PDB file of all heavy atoms in Angstrom:
ATOM      1  N   ALA A   1       0.834  -1.210   0.037  1.00  0.00           N
ATOM      2  CA  ALA A   1       0.004   0.013  -0.001  1.00  0.00           C
ATOM      3  C   ALA A   1       0.887   1.247  -0.020  1.00  0.00           C
ATOM      4  O   ALA A   1       1.890   1.303   0.756  1.00  0.00           O
ATOM      5  CB  ALA A   1      -0.927  -0.022   1.156  1.00  0.00           C
ATOM      6  N   GLY A   2       0.446   2.235  -0.780  1.00  0.00           N
ATOM      7  CA  GLY A   2       1.220   3.463  -0.926  1.00  0.00           C
ATOM      8  C   GLY A   2       2.226   3.386  -2.068  1.00  0.00           C
ATOM      9  O   GLY A   2       2.782   4.458  -2.397  1.00  0.00           O
ATOM     10  N   GLY A   3       2.466   2.243  -2.617  1.00  0.00           N
ATOM     11  CA  GLY A   3       3.411   2.101  -3.695  1.00  0.00           C
ATOM     12  C   GLY A   3       2.845   2.474  -5.092  1.00  0.00           C
ATOM     13  O   GLY A   3       1.729   2.878  -5.152  1.00  0.00           O
ATOM     14  N   SER A   4       3.687   2.309  -6.070  1.00  0.00           N
ATOM     15  CA  SER A   4       3.343   2.659  -7.423  1.00  0.00           C
ATOM     16  C   SER A   4       3.576   1.445  -8.374  1.00  0.00           C
ATOM     17  O   SER A   4       4.424   0.625  -8.077  1.00  0.00           O
ATOM     18  CB  SER A   4       4.118   3.872  -7.931  1.00  0.00           C
ATOM     19  OG  SER A   4       3.864   5.036  -7.122  1.00  0.00           O
ATOM     20  N   LEU A   5       2.885   1.538  -9.480  1.00  0.00           N
ATOM     21  CA  LEU A   5       2.957   0.502 -10.518  1.00  0.00           C
ATOM     22  C   LEU A   5       2.595   1.076 -11.831  1.00  0.00           C
ATOM     23  O   LEU A   5       1.715   1.975 -11.884  1.00  0.00           O
ATOM     24  CB  LEU A   5       2.070  -0.722 -10.178  1.00  0.00           C
ATOM     25  CG  LEU A   5       2.355  -2.098 -10.732  1.00  0.00           C
ATOM     26  CD1 LEU A   5       3.750  -2.590 -10.278  1.00  0.00           C
ATOM     27  CD2 LEU A   5       1.311  -3.047 -10.241  1.00  0.00           C
ATOM     28  N   ARG A   6       3.213   0.607 -12.895  1.00  0.00           N
ATOM     29  CA  ARG A   6       2.890   1.060 -14.238  1.00  0.00           C
ATOM     30  C   ARG A   6       2.524  -0.070 -15.120  1.00  0.00           C
ATOM     31  O   ARG A   6       3.305  -1.045 -15.265  1.00  0.00           O
ATOM     32  CB  ARG A   6       4.118   1.803 -14.853  1.00  0.00           C
ATOM     33  CG  ARG A   6       3.773   2.455 -16.210  1.00  0.00           C
ATOM     34  CD  ARG A   6       4.947   3.267 -16.687  1.00  0.00           C
ATOM     35  NE  ARG A   6       4.683   3.923 -17.994  1.00  0.00           N
ATOM     36  CZ  ARG A   6       4.157   5.100 -18.098  1.00  0.00           C
ATOM     37  NH1 ARG A   6       3.798   5.845 -17.060  1.00  0.00           N
ATOM     38  NH2 ARG A   6       3.971   5.659 -19.300  1.00  0.00           N
ATOM     39  N   LEU A   7       1.319  -0.029 -15.645  1.00  0.00           N
ATOM     40  CA  LEU A   7       0.807  -1.024 -16.615  1.00  0.00           C
ATOM     41  C   LEU A   7       0.968  -0.543 -18.024  1.00  0.00           C
ATOM     42  O   LEU A   7       0.821   0.645 -18.305  1.00  0.00           O
ATOM     43  CB  LEU A   7      -0.631  -1.347 -16.302  1.00  0.00           C
ATOM     44  CG  LEU A   7      -1.035  -1.788 -14.945  1.00  0.00           C
ATOM     45  CD1 LEU A   7      -2.489  -2.148 -14.889  1.00  0.00           C
ATOM     46  CD2 LEU A   7      -0.196  -2.933 -14.469  1.00  0.00           C
ATOM     47  N   SER A   8       1.286  -1.514 -18.928  1.00  0.00           N
ATOM     48  CA  SER A   8       1.398  -1.164 -20.363  1.00  0.00           C
ATOM     49  C   SER A   8       0.610  -2.106 -21.153  1.00  0.00           C
ATOM     50  O   SER A   8       0.391  -3.287 -20.762  1.00  0.00           O
ATOM     51  CB  SER A   8       2.872  -1.165 -20.800  1.00  0.00           C
ATOM     52  OG  SER A   8       3.646  -0.215 -20.084  1.00  0.00           O
ATOM     53  N   CYS A   9       0.158  -1.662 -22.319  1.00  0.00           N
ATOM     54  CA  CYS A   9      -0.576  -2.498 -23.201  1.00  0.00           C
ATOM     55  C   CYS A   9      -0.241  -2.117 -24.681  1.00  0.00           C
ATOM     56  O   CYS A   9      -0.163  -0.960 -25.021  1.00  0.00           O
ATOM     57  CB  CYS A   9      -2.109  -2.236 -23.049  1.00  0.00           C
ATOM     58  SG  CYS A   9      -3.161  -3.114 -24.252  1.00  0.00           S
ATOM     59  N   ALA A  10       0.067  -3.171 -25.436  1.00  0.00           N
ATOM     60  CA  ALA A  10       0.486  -3.021 -26.828  1.00  0.00           C
ATOM     61  C   ALA A  10      -0.563  -3.641 -27.734  1.00  0.00           C
ATOM     62  O   ALA A  10      -0.973  -4.821 -27.501  1.00  0.00           O
ATOM     63  CB  ALA A  10       1.846  -3.578 -27.062  1.00  0.00           C
ATOM     64  N   ALA A  11      -0.992  -2.931 -28.777  1.00  0.00           N
ATOM     65  CA  ALA A  11      -1.935  -3.419 -29.716  1.00  0.00           C
ATOM     66  C   ALA A  11      -1.198  -3.835 -30.978  1.00  0.00           C
ATOM     67  O   ALA A  11      -0.341  -3.068 -31.459  1.00  0.00           O
ATOM     68  CB  ALA A  11      -3.014  -2.403 -30.028  1.00  0.00           C
ATOM     69  N   SER A  12      -1.550  -4.956 -31.561  1.00  0.00           N
ATOM     70  CA  SER A  12      -0.863  -5.392 -32.755  1.00  0.00           C
ATOM     71  C   SER A  12      -1.949  -5.810 -33.776  1.00  0.00           C
ATOM     72  O   SER A  12      -3.063  -6.212 -33.433  1.00  0.00           O
ATOM     73  CB  SER A  12       0.059  -6.598 -32.508  1.00  0.00           C
ATOM     74  OG  SER A  12      -0.611  -7.717 -32.010  1.00  0.00           O
ATOM     75  N   GLY A  13      -1.587  -5.772 -35.047  1.00  0.00           N
ATOM     76  CA  GLY A  13      -2.525  -6.098 -36.108  1.00  0.00           C
ATOM     77  C   GLY A  13      -2.308  -5.122 -37.268  1.00  0.00           C
ATOM     78  O   GLY A  13      -1.460  -4.242 -37.225  1.00  0.00           O
ATOM     79  N   SER A  14      -3.096  -5.253 -38.314  1.00  0.00           N
ATOM     80  CA  SER A  14      -2.969  -4.427 -39.498  1.00  0.00           C
ATOM     81  C   SER A  14      -4.406  -3.936 -39.909  1.00  0.00           C
ATOM     82  O   SER A  14      -5.385  -4.506 -39.657  1.00  0.00           O
ATOM     83  CB  SER A  14      -2.403  -5.268 -40.661  1.00  0.00           C
ATOM     84  OG  SER A  14      -1.088  -5.706 -40.325  1.00  0.00           O
ATOM     85  N   GLY A  15      -4.324  -2.704 -40.542  1.00  0.00           N
ATOM     86  CA  GLY A  15      -5.503  -2.214 -41.106  1.00  0.00           C
ATOM     87  C   GLY A  15      -6.574  -1.727 -40.120  1.00  0.00           C
ATOM     88  O   GLY A  15      -7.801  -1.909 -40.346  1.00  0.00           O
ATOM     89  N   PHE A  16      -6.157  -1.107 -39.012  1.00  0.00           N
ATOM     90  CA  PHE A  16      -7.074  -0.636 -38.005  1.00  0.00           C
ATOM     91  C   PHE A  16      -6.683   0.731 -37.494  1.00  0.00           C
ATOM     92  O   PHE A  16      -5.529   1.085 -37.563  1.00  0.00           O
ATOM     93  CB  PHE A  16      -7.253  -1.612 -36.859  1.00  0.00           C
ATOM     94  CG  PHE A  16      -5.949  -1.839 -36.064  1.00  0.00           C
ATOM     95  CD1 PHE A  16      -5.692  -0.971 -35.004  1.00  0.00           C
ATOM     96  CD2 PHE A  16      -5.034  -2.796 -36.399  1.00  0.00           C
ATOM     97  CE1 PHE A  16      -4.516  -1.105 -34.275  1.00  0.00           C
ATOM     98  CE2 PHE A  16      -3.874  -2.967 -35.638  1.00  0.00           C
ATOM     99  CZ  PHE A  16      -3.624  -2.140 -34.577  1.00  0.00           C
ATOM    100  N   THR A  17      -7.686   1.398 -36.947  1.00  0.00           N
ATOM    101  CA  THR A  17      -7.453   2.700 -36.250  1.00  0.00           C
ATOM    102  C   THR A  17      -8.145   2.597 -34.901  1.00  0.00           C
ATOM    103  O   THR A  17      -9.350   2.290 -34.823  1.00  0.00           O
ATOM    104  CB  THR A  17      -8.012   3.882 -37.030  1.00  0.00           C
ATOM    105  OG1 THR A  17      -7.372   3.949 -38.308  1.00  0.00           O
ATOM    106  CG2 THR A  17      -7.783   5.164 -36.229  1.00  0.00           C
ATOM    107  N   ILE A  18      -7.361   2.798 -33.846  1.00  0.00           N
ATOM    108  CA  ILE A  18      -7.928   2.724 -32.467  1.00  0.00           C
ATOM    109  C   ILE A  18      -8.364   4.081 -32.012  1.00  0.00           C
ATOM    110  O   ILE A  18      -7.493   4.934 -31.840  1.00  0.00           O
ATOM    111  CB  ILE A  18      -6.925   2.072 -31.512  1.00  0.00           C
ATOM    112  CG1 ILE A  18      -6.514   0.658 -31.995  1.00  0.00           C
ATOM    113  CG2 ILE A  18      -7.491   2.049 -30.140  1.00  0.00           C
ATOM    114  CD1 ILE A  18      -5.473  -0.011 -31.134  1.00  0.00           C
ATOM    115  N   TYR A  19      -9.632   4.299 -31.868  1.00  0.00           N
ATOM    116  CA  TYR A  19     -10.159   5.603 -31.474  1.00  0.00           C
ATOM    117  C   TYR A  19     -10.124   5.825 -29.928  1.00  0.00           C
ATOM    118  O   TYR A  19      -9.873   6.926 -29.476  1.00  0.00           O
ATOM    119  CB  TYR A  19     -11.541   5.815 -31.996  1.00  0.00           C
ATOM    120  CG  TYR A  19     -11.541   5.966 -33.479  1.00  0.00           C
ATOM    121  CD1 TYR A  19     -11.762   4.857 -34.310  1.00  0.00           C
ATOM    122  CD2 TYR A  19     -11.339   7.204 -34.061  1.00  0.00           C
ATOM    123  CE1 TYR A  19     -11.719   5.050 -35.686  1.00  0.00           C
ATOM    124  CE2 TYR A  19     -11.312   7.365 -35.394  1.00  0.00           C
ATOM    125  CZ  TYR A  19     -11.519   6.287 -36.214  1.00  0.00           C
ATOM    126  OH  TYR A  19     -11.482   6.460 -37.599  1.00  0.00           O
ATOM    127  N   THR A  20     -10.338   4.734 -29.188  1.00  0.00           N
ATOM    128  CA  THR A  20     -10.326   4.795 -27.720  1.00  0.00           C
ATOM    129  C   THR A  20      -9.496   3.663 -27.193  1.00  0.00           C
ATOM    130  O   THR A  20      -9.743   2.527 -27.593  1.00  0.00           O
ATOM    131  CB  THR A  20     -11.732   4.844 -27.124  1.00  0.00           C
ATOM    132  OG1 THR A  20     -12.439   5.906 -27.665  1.00  0.00           O
ATOM    133  CG2 THR A  20     -11.652   5.006 -25.636  1.00  0.00           C
ATOM    134  N   MET A  21      -8.674   3.874 -26.262  1.00  0.00           N
ATOM    135  CA  MET A  21      -7.939   2.858 -25.535  1.00  0.00           C
ATOM    136  C   MET A  21      -8.153   3.114 -24.032  1.00  0.00           C
ATOM    137  O   MET A  21      -8.419   4.252 -23.604  1.00  0.00           O
ATOM    138  CB  MET A  21      -6.474   2.819 -25.798  1.00  0.00           C
ATOM    139  CG  MET A  21      -6.120   2.545 -27.265  1.00  0.00           C
ATOM    140  SD  MET A  21      -4.312   2.227 -27.553  1.00  0.00           S
ATOM    141  CE  MET A  21      -4.162   0.589 -26.913  1.00  0.00           C
ATOM    142  N   GLY A  22      -7.995   2.065 -23.252  1.00  0.00           N
ATOM    143  CA  GLY A  22      -8.195   2.328 -21.805  1.00  0.00           C
ATOM    144  C   GLY A  22      -7.969   1.079 -20.984  1.00  0.00           C
ATOM    145  O   GLY A  22      -7.494   0.071 -21.477  1.00  0.00           O
ATOM    146  N   TRP A  23      -8.328   1.235 -19.728  1.00  0.00           N
ATOM    147  CA  TRP A  23      -8.142   0.171 -18.761  1.00  0.00           C
ATOM    148  C   TRP A  23      -9.454  -0.008 -17.934  1.00  0.00           C
ATOM    149  O   TRP A  23     -10.053   0.975 -17.549  1.00  0.00           O
ATOM    150  CB  TRP A  23      -7.026   0.484 -17.745  1.00  0.00           C
ATOM    151  CG  TRP A  23      -5.728   0.524 -18.420  1.00  0.00           C
ATOM    152  CD1 TRP A  23      -5.052   1.560 -19.017  1.00  0.00           C
ATOM    153  CD2 TRP A  23      -4.829  -0.617 -18.622  1.00  0.00           C
ATOM    154  NE1 TRP A  23      -3.842   1.224 -19.541  1.00  0.00           N
ATOM    155  CE2 TRP A  23      -3.649  -0.068 -19.266  1.00  0.00           C
ATOM    156  CE3 TRP A  23      -4.811  -1.911 -18.266  1.00  0.00           C
ATOM    157  CZ2 TRP A  23      -2.615  -0.953 -19.634  1.00  0.00           C
ATOM    158  CZ3 TRP A  23      -3.783  -2.808 -18.592  1.00  0.00           C
ATOM    159  CH2 TRP A  23      -2.666  -2.247 -19.240  1.00  0.00           C
ATOM    160  N   TYR A  24      -9.867  -1.212 -17.743  1.00  0.00           N
ATOM    161  CA  TYR A  24     -10.910  -1.549 -16.867  1.00  0.00           C
ATOM    162  C   TYR A  24     -10.367  -2.620 -15.898  1.00  0.00           C
ATOM    163  O   TYR A  24      -9.309  -3.234 -16.100  1.00  0.00           O
ATOM    164  CB  TYR A  24     -12.042  -2.210 -17.641  1.00  0.00           C
ATOM    165  CG  TYR A  24     -12.824  -1.201 -18.527  1.00  0.00           C
ATOM    166  CD1 TYR A  24     -12.304  -0.697 -19.630  1.00  0.00           C
ATOM    167  CD2 TYR A  24     -14.089  -0.778 -18.098  1.00  0.00           C
ATOM    168  CE1 TYR A  24     -12.979   0.223 -20.391  1.00  0.00           C
ATOM    169  CE2 TYR A  24     -14.857   0.148 -18.875  1.00  0.00           C
ATOM    170  CZ  TYR A  24     -14.242   0.692 -20.034  1.00  0.00           C
ATOM    171  OH  TYR A  24     -14.947   1.568 -20.756  1.00  0.00           O
ATOM    172  N   ARG A  25     -11.086  -2.760 -14.772  1.00  0.00           N
ATOM    173  CA  ARG A  25     -10.669  -3.729 -13.771  1.00  0.00           C
ATOM    174  C   ARG A  25     -11.799  -4.486 -13.273  1.00  0.00           C
ATOM    175  O   ARG A  25     -12.962  -4.056 -13.277  1.00  0.00           O
ATOM    176  CB  ARG A  25      -9.930  -3.037 -12.572  1.00  0.00           C
ATOM    177  CG  ARG A  25     -10.724  -2.121 -11.724  1.00  0.00           C
ATOM    178  CD  ARG A  25      -9.840  -1.437 -10.711  1.00  0.00           C
ATOM    179  NE  ARG A  25     -10.560  -0.541  -9.896  1.00  0.00           N
ATOM    180  CZ  ARG A  25     -10.072   0.249  -9.018  1.00  0.00           C
ATOM    181  NH1 ARG A  25      -8.742   0.295  -8.829  1.00  0.00           N
ATOM    182  NH2 ARG A  25     -10.821   1.071  -8.205  1.00  0.00           N
ATOM    183  N   GLN A  26     -11.527  -5.688 -12.790  1.00  0.00           N
ATOM    184  CA  GLN A  26     -12.614  -6.612 -12.305  1.00  0.00           C
ATOM    185  C   GLN A  26     -12.261  -7.193 -10.933  1.00  0.00           C
ATOM    186  O   GLN A  26     -11.168  -7.794 -10.835  1.00  0.00           O
ATOM    187  CB  GLN A  26     -12.844  -7.721 -13.300  1.00  0.00           C
ATOM    188  CG  GLN A  26     -14.083  -8.536 -13.043  1.00  0.00           C
ATOM    189  CD  GLN A  26     -14.423  -9.410 -14.191  1.00  0.00           C
ATOM    190  OE1 GLN A  26     -13.646  -9.687 -15.060  1.00  0.00           O
ATOM    191  NE2 GLN A  26     -15.696  -9.885 -14.208  1.00  0.00           N
ATOM    192  N   PHE A  27     -13.101  -6.943  -9.967  1.00  0.00           N
ATOM    193  CA  PHE A  27     -12.913  -7.549  -8.640  1.00  0.00           C
ATOM    194  C   PHE A  27     -13.618  -8.862  -8.615  1.00  0.00           C
ATOM    195  O   PHE A  27     -14.590  -9.106  -9.408  1.00  0.00           O
ATOM    196  CB  PHE A  27     -13.495  -6.603  -7.547  1.00  0.00           C
ATOM    197  CG  PHE A  27     -12.967  -5.219  -7.623  1.00  0.00           C
ATOM    198  CD1 PHE A  27     -13.824  -4.160  -8.016  1.00  0.00           C
ATOM    199  CD2 PHE A  27     -11.659  -4.918  -7.236  1.00  0.00           C
ATOM    200  CE1 PHE A  27     -13.297  -2.870  -8.068  1.00  0.00           C
ATOM    201  CE2 PHE A  27     -11.207  -3.593  -7.306  1.00  0.00           C
ATOM    202  CZ  PHE A  27     -12.016  -2.648  -7.717  1.00  0.00           C
TER     203      PHE A  27
END
């Protein structure tokens, strides 16, 4: 608790445009 963390996400593929990216979480 009180610490930090950095998450990363990479998208791969061809012929697309990503209009929105984001993060969701599930308990």
